[in-house]
Amino acid sequence: MAKILVSLDEQLLARVDRAARSRGLTRSAYLAGIASGELGAAPGLGKAPSVRRALRALDRLFQSNITQEDSVRYIREERDSH
């Protein structure tokens, strides 16, 4: 993925950031969606609010369960406990 530098008026940037936040998107994802829409490209799975909610939930899950321990052991314990 290419990284670019774009200059925007500060007020416009603030509006972009508010719009992105309200949709649960990063600034980059929001701007990419606008560009894709303008150019007629498919926006992908992240367009659906339910998908964005699910992805945010997964992010929270993974962030709250960071561990250095053996994940295979936990999976086996969970599987064998039923």
Protein backbone atom coordinates (compact mmCIF):
# COMPACT_ATOMS: atom_id res chain seq x y z
CA MET A 1 0.00 0.00 0.00
CA ALA A 2 1.34 3.41 -0.93
CA LYS A 3 1.72 6.13 1.68
CA ILE A 4 1.23 9.72 0.60
CA LEU A 5 1.48 13.21 2.03
CA VAL A 6 -1.60 15.39 1.51
CA SER A 7 -2.03 19.03 2.52
CA LEU A 8 -5.46 20.07 3.83
CA ASP A 9 -6.82 23.20 5.43
CA GLU A 10 -7.00 22.71 9.21
CA GLN A 11 -10.78 23.20 9.30
CA LEU A 12 -11.28 20.69 6.51
CA LEU A 13 -9.01 18.22 8.28
CA ALA A 14 -11.05 18.63 11.48
CA ARG A 15 -14.23 17.88 9.51
CA VAL A 16 -12.61 14.82 7.93
CA ASP A 17 -11.53 13.54 11.33
CA ARG A 18 -15.00 14.04 12.84
CA ALA A 19 -16.64 12.26 9.91
CA ALA A 20 -14.17 9.37 10.11
CA ARG A 21 -14.66 8.99 13.88
CA SER A 22 -18.44 9.04 13.56
CA ARG A 23 -18.19 6.14 11.12
CA GLY A 24 -15.68 4.19 13.18
CA LEU A 25 -12.98 4.62 10.54
CA THR A 26 -9.43 5.86 10.51
CA ARG A 27 -8.69 9.05 8.63
CA SER A 28 -6.98 7.01 5.91
CA ALA A 29 -9.88 4.59 5.55
CA TYR A 30 -12.36 7.46 5.37
CA LEU A 31 -10.38 9.31 2.69
CA ALA A 32 -9.83 6.07 0.76
CA GLY A 33 -13.58 5.44 0.84
CA ILE A 34 -14.28 8.91 -0.52
CA ALA A 35 -11.72 8.42 -3.30
CA SER A 36 -13.10 4.97 -4.12
CA GLY A 37 -16.63 6.32 -4.27
CA GLU A 38 -15.63 9.20 -6.47
CA LEU A 39 -13.73 6.88 -8.80
CA GLY A 40 -16.37 4.14 -8.78
CA ALA A 41 -14.28 1.50 -7.00
CA ALA A 42 -15.85 -0.96 -4.58
CA PRO A 43 -15.31 0.17 -0.97
CA GLY A 44 -14.93 -3.36 0.44
CA LEU A 45 -16.26 -5.03 3.56
CA GLY A 46 -15.58 -2.12 5.91
CA LYS A 47 -18.49 -0.17 4.44
CA ALA A 48 -21.14 -2.03 6.42
CA PRO A 49 -21.63 -0.65 9.94
CA SER A 50 -22.10 -4.18 11.31
CA VAL A 51 -18.70 -5.22 9.92
CA ARG A 52 -17.01 -2.15 11.42
CA ARG A 53 -18.62 -2.91 14.81
CA ALA A 54 -17.44 -6.51 14.64
CA LEU A 55 -13.91 -5.47 13.73
CA ARG A 56 -13.81 -2.96 16.60
CA ALA A 57 -15.03 -5.68 18.98
CA LEU A 58 -12.27 -8.00 17.78
CA ASP A 59 -9.70 -5.24 18.25
CA ARG A 60 -10.88 -4.71 21.84
CA LEU A 61 -10.82 -8.44 22.48
CA PHE A 62 -7.27 -8.85 21.24
CA GLN A 63 -6.04 -5.73 23.04
CA SER A 64 -7.50 -6.84 26.35
CA ASN A 65 -6.08 -10.37 26.09
CA ILE A 66 -2.47 -9.76 25.18
CA THR A 67 -0.38 -12.53 26.69
CA GLN A 68 3.00 -14.11 26.17
CA GLU A 69 1.72 -17.53 27.15
CA ASP A 70 1.02 -20.47 24.89
CA SER A 71 -2.26 -19.86 23.04
CA VAL A 72 -2.47 -23.51 21.94
CA ARG A 73 -2.63 -24.59 25.58
CA TYR A 74 -5.57 -22.23 26.21
CA ILE A 75 -7.40 -23.46 23.14
CA ARG A 76 -6.97 -27.09 24.20
CA GLU A 77 -8.10 -26.31 27.75
CA GLU A 78 -11.19 -24.54 26.47
CA ARG A 79 -11.96 -27.36 24.04
CA ASP A 80 -11.48 -30.07 26.65
CA SER A 81 -13.56 -28.30 29.30
CA HIS A 82 -16.83 -29.02 27.45
